Amino acid sequence: MHNSLPSKSEMVEGQQTIFFQIANGTARQPCSLKTKFQTQQQASRYLRQNWNRIEKMTRDCLARQCFENGQINLVMV
C-alpha cells in the first residue's frame, strides 16, 4: 500500500476534474468528470473503477445532446 503524502504537483486545492473522450461513431466526444477528490491520482482511480457507470451516464448525455461548449460535463455528487 502506498503511504506517502501526495507530491506538490498532485495536491491542488479543491476538487479535481478528469478529462476523457468517448467514441461517438467515427468521432471522439470530449468529456469531463468533476470529482470531490483532492488529487488527480484519486480522481483517475475513481474514473477507472467506475468506468461502466460513467460511460453509461456519458452516453445518456450524448443521446440527449447535453453539451456545454461542445463537451459533456459530469459532476460527482
N, C-alpha and C. Protein backbone atom coordinates (compact mmCIF):
# COMPACT_ATOMS: atom_id res chain seq x y z
N MET A 1 0.85 -1.18 0.00
CA MET A 1 0.00 0.00 0.00
C MET A 1 0.89 1.24 0.00
N HIS A 2 0.50 2.24 -0.70
CA HIS A 2 1.25 3.49 -0.85
C HIS A 2 0.88 4.43 0.29
N ASN A 3 1.84 4.73 1.18
CA ASN A 3 1.54 5.53 2.36
C ASN A 3 2.15 6.92 2.35
N SER A 4 2.85 7.29 1.29
CA SER A 4 3.48 8.61 1.27
C SER A 4 2.45 9.69 0.97
N LEU A 5 2.78 10.90 1.36
CA LEU A 5 1.90 12.03 1.09
C LEU A 5 1.94 12.37 -0.39
N PRO A 6 0.88 12.96 -0.94
CA PRO A 6 0.88 13.36 -2.35
C PRO A 6 1.97 14.39 -2.61
N SER A 7 2.53 14.34 -3.81
CA SER A 7 3.54 15.33 -4.18
C SER A 7 2.85 16.68 -4.37
N LYS A 8 3.67 17.73 -4.39
CA LYS A 8 3.12 19.07 -4.55
C LYS A 8 2.33 19.19 -5.85
N SER A 9 2.80 18.52 -6.92
CA SER A 9 2.09 18.58 -8.20
C SER A 9 0.76 17.83 -8.15
N GLU A 10 0.66 16.81 -7.27
CA GLU A 10 -0.59 16.06 -7.15
C GLU A 10 -1.61 16.81 -6.30
N MET A 11 -1.15 17.59 -5.34
CA MET A 11 -2.05 18.24 -4.40
C MET A 11 -2.44 19.61 -4.91
N VAL A 12 -3.71 19.77 -5.19
CA VAL A 12 -4.25 21.03 -5.65
C VAL A 12 -5.47 21.33 -4.80
N GLU A 13 -5.62 22.56 -4.39
CA GLU A 13 -6.76 22.93 -3.56
C GLU A 13 -8.07 22.60 -4.29
N GLY A 14 -9.01 22.03 -3.56
CA GLY A 14 -10.34 21.83 -4.10
C GLY A 14 -10.51 20.55 -4.88
N GLN A 15 -11.55 20.53 -5.69
CA GLN A 15 -11.94 19.35 -6.44
C GLN A 15 -11.09 19.16 -7.69
N GLN A 16 -10.95 17.90 -8.10
CA GLN A 16 -10.19 17.57 -9.29
C GLN A 16 -11.13 17.23 -10.44
N THR A 17 -10.77 17.64 -11.63
CA THR A 17 -11.53 17.32 -12.83
C THR A 17 -10.68 16.43 -13.72
N ILE A 18 -11.28 15.33 -14.16
CA ILE A 18 -10.63 14.39 -15.06
C ILE A 18 -11.23 14.59 -16.44
N PHE A 19 -10.39 14.68 -17.44
CA PHE A 19 -10.84 14.84 -18.82
C PHE A 19 -10.63 13.53 -19.57
N PHE A 20 -11.61 13.17 -20.39
CA PHE A 20 -11.52 11.94 -21.17
C PHE A 20 -12.33 12.12 -22.45
N GLN A 21 -12.24 11.15 -23.35
CA GLN A 21 -13.01 11.18 -24.59
C GLN A 21 -13.76 9.87 -24.71
N ILE A 22 -14.89 9.94 -25.42
CA ILE A 22 -15.69 8.74 -25.67
C ILE A 22 -15.98 8.68 -27.17
N ALA A 23 -15.99 7.47 -27.71
CA ALA A 23 -16.26 7.30 -29.14
C ALA A 23 -17.71 7.66 -29.43
N ASN A 24 -17.89 8.41 -30.51
CA ASN A 24 -19.22 8.80 -30.98
C ASN A 24 -19.23 8.57 -32.48
N GLY A 25 -19.54 7.34 -32.89
CA GLY A 25 -19.42 6.98 -34.30
C GLY A 25 -17.95 6.97 -34.67
N THR A 26 -17.59 7.74 -35.69
CA THR A 26 -16.19 7.83 -36.09
C THR A 26 -15.48 9.00 -35.41
N ALA A 27 -16.20 9.76 -34.61
CA ALA A 27 -15.63 10.93 -33.93
C ALA A 27 -15.35 10.60 -32.46
N ARG A 28 -14.66 11.51 -31.79
CA ARG A 28 -14.40 11.42 -30.36
C ARG A 28 -15.09 12.60 -29.68
N GLN A 29 -15.81 12.33 -28.60
CA GLN A 29 -16.53 13.37 -27.87
C GLN A 29 -15.76 13.72 -26.60
N PRO A 30 -15.33 14.99 -26.45
CA PRO A 30 -14.64 15.37 -25.22
C PRO A 30 -15.60 15.39 -24.03
N CYS A 31 -15.09 14.92 -22.89
CA CYS A 31 -15.90 14.82 -21.67
C CYS A 31 -15.04 15.19 -20.46
N SER A 32 -15.73 15.54 -19.39
CA SER A 32 -15.02 15.78 -18.13
C SER A 32 -15.86 15.25 -16.98
N LEU A 33 -15.17 14.91 -15.91
CA LEU A 33 -15.81 14.45 -14.68
C LEU A 33 -15.20 15.23 -13.53
N LYS A 34 -16.01 16.07 -12.90
CA LYS A 34 -15.56 16.83 -11.74
C LYS A 34 -15.81 15.97 -10.50
N THR A 35 -14.74 15.76 -9.71
CA THR A 35 -14.83 14.88 -8.55
C THR A 35 -14.63 15.66 -7.25
N LYS A 36 -14.82 14.95 -6.15
CA LYS A 36 -14.61 15.53 -4.82
C LYS A 36 -13.20 15.26 -4.31
N PHE A 37 -12.39 14.54 -5.10
CA PHE A 37 -11.08 14.11 -4.64
C PHE A 37 -10.06 15.24 -4.67
N GLN A 38 -9.07 15.13 -3.79
CA GLN A 38 -8.04 16.15 -3.66
C GLN A 38 -6.88 15.97 -4.63
N THR A 39 -6.67 14.76 -5.17
CA THR A 39 -5.55 14.54 -6.08
C THR A 39 -6.04 13.96 -7.40
N GLN A 40 -5.27 14.20 -8.45
CA GLN A 40 -5.58 13.63 -9.77
C GLN A 40 -5.50 12.11 -9.71
N GLN A 41 -4.58 11.57 -8.93
CA GLN A 41 -4.44 10.12 -8.81
C GLN A 41 -5.72 9.50 -8.26
N GLN A 42 -6.28 10.09 -7.23
CA GLN A 42 -7.53 9.57 -6.65
C GLN A 42 -8.68 9.69 -7.65
N ALA A 43 -8.75 10.81 -8.33
CA ALA A 43 -9.82 11.03 -9.31
C ALA A 43 -9.69 10.04 -10.47
N SER A 44 -8.48 9.80 -10.94
CA SER A 44 -8.26 8.85 -12.03
C SER A 44 -8.65 7.44 -11.61
N ARG A 45 -8.30 7.08 -10.38
CA ARG A 45 -8.65 5.75 -9.86
C ARG A 45 -10.18 5.61 -9.83
N TYR A 46 -10.88 6.64 -9.38
CA TYR A 46 -12.34 6.61 -9.34
C TYR A 46 -12.92 6.41 -10.74
N LEU A 47 -12.37 7.13 -11.73
CA LEU A 47 -12.85 7.00 -13.11
C LEU A 47 -12.67 5.57 -13.60
N ARG A 48 -11.51 4.97 -13.37
CA ARG A 48 -11.25 3.60 -13.82
C ARG A 48 -12.16 2.59 -13.12
N GLN A 49 -12.32 2.74 -11.81
CA GLN A 49 -13.10 1.78 -11.04
C GLN A 49 -14.60 1.87 -11.34
N ASN A 50 -15.05 3.03 -11.79
CA ASN A 50 -16.48 3.23 -12.04
C ASN A 50 -16.78 3.48 -13.51
N TRP A 51 -15.89 3.02 -14.40
CA TRP A 51 -15.99 3.33 -15.81
C TRP A 51 -17.34 2.92 -16.42
N ASN A 52 -17.85 1.73 -16.11
CA ASN A 52 -19.11 1.28 -16.72
C ASN A 52 -20.25 2.24 -16.43
N ARG A 53 -20.36 2.66 -15.19
CA ARG A 53 -21.43 3.59 -14.81
C ARG A 53 -21.21 4.97 -15.44
N ILE A 54 -19.96 5.44 -15.43
CA ILE A 54 -19.65 6.76 -16.00
C ILE A 54 -19.88 6.75 -17.52
N GLU A 55 -19.50 5.66 -18.17
CA GLU A 55 -19.73 5.57 -19.61
C GLU A 55 -21.22 5.60 -19.92
N LYS A 56 -22.04 4.90 -19.14
CA LYS A 56 -23.50 4.92 -19.36
C LYS A 56 -24.06 6.33 -19.20
N MET A 57 -23.64 7.03 -18.14
CA MET A 57 -24.12 8.41 -17.93
C MET A 57 -23.68 9.30 -19.10
N THR A 58 -22.44 9.11 -19.56
CA THR A 58 -21.93 9.91 -20.67
C THR A 58 -22.72 9.64 -21.94
N ARG A 59 -22.99 8.38 -22.23
CA ARG A 59 -23.76 8.03 -23.44
C ARG A 59 -25.20 8.54 -23.35
N ASP A 60 -25.77 8.54 -22.14
CA ASP A 60 -27.11 9.12 -21.96
C ASP A 60 -27.08 10.62 -22.28
N CYS A 61 -26.06 11.31 -21.81
CA CYS A 61 -25.91 12.74 -22.13
C CYS A 61 -25.71 12.95 -23.62
N LEU A 62 -24.94 12.07 -24.24
CA LEU A 62 -24.69 12.16 -25.67
C LEU A 62 -26.00 12.01 -26.44
N ALA A 63 -26.83 11.06 -26.05
CA ALA A 63 -28.12 10.83 -26.71
C ALA A 63 -29.06 12.03 -26.55
N ARG A 64 -28.99 12.69 -25.39
CA ARG A 64 -29.84 13.87 -25.13
C ARG A 64 -29.19 15.16 -25.62
N GLN A 65 -27.99 15.05 -26.15
CA GLN A 65 -27.21 16.20 -26.62
C GLN A 65 -27.03 17.25 -25.53
N CYS A 66 -26.63 16.79 -24.35
CA CYS A 66 -26.37 17.67 -23.21
C CYS A 66 -24.92 18.13 -23.24
N PHE A 67 -24.63 19.10 -24.10
CA PHE A 67 -23.27 19.60 -24.26
C PHE A 67 -23.15 20.99 -23.65
N GLU A 68 -21.97 21.29 -23.20
CA GLU A 68 -21.64 22.63 -22.72
C GLU A 68 -20.34 23.01 -23.40
N ASN A 69 -20.40 23.96 -24.32
CA ASN A 69 -19.24 24.34 -25.13
C ASN A 69 -18.66 23.14 -25.87
N GLY A 70 -19.54 22.28 -26.40
CA GLY A 70 -19.12 21.13 -27.17
C GLY A 70 -18.58 19.97 -26.35
N GLN A 71 -18.73 20.03 -25.05
CA GLN A 71 -18.18 19.00 -24.16
C GLN A 71 -19.27 18.48 -23.23
N ILE A 72 -19.21 17.20 -22.88
CA ILE A 72 -20.11 16.64 -21.89
C ILE A 72 -19.43 16.78 -20.53
N ASN A 73 -20.12 17.42 -19.60
CA ASN A 73 -19.57 17.65 -18.27
C ASN A 73 -20.38 16.90 -17.22
N LEU A 74 -19.73 15.97 -16.55
CA LEU A 74 -20.35 15.23 -15.46
C LEU A 74 -19.81 15.72 -14.13
N VAL A 75 -20.63 15.64 -13.10
CA VAL A 75 -20.20 16.07 -11.76
C VAL A 75 -20.51 14.94 -10.79
N MET A 76 -19.51 14.58 -10.01
CA MET A 76 -19.67 13.55 -8.98
C MET A 76 -20.36 14.18 -7.78
N VAL A 77 -21.41 13.52 -7.30
CA VAL A 77 -22.12 14.02 -6.12
C VAL A 77 -21.88 13.13 -4.92
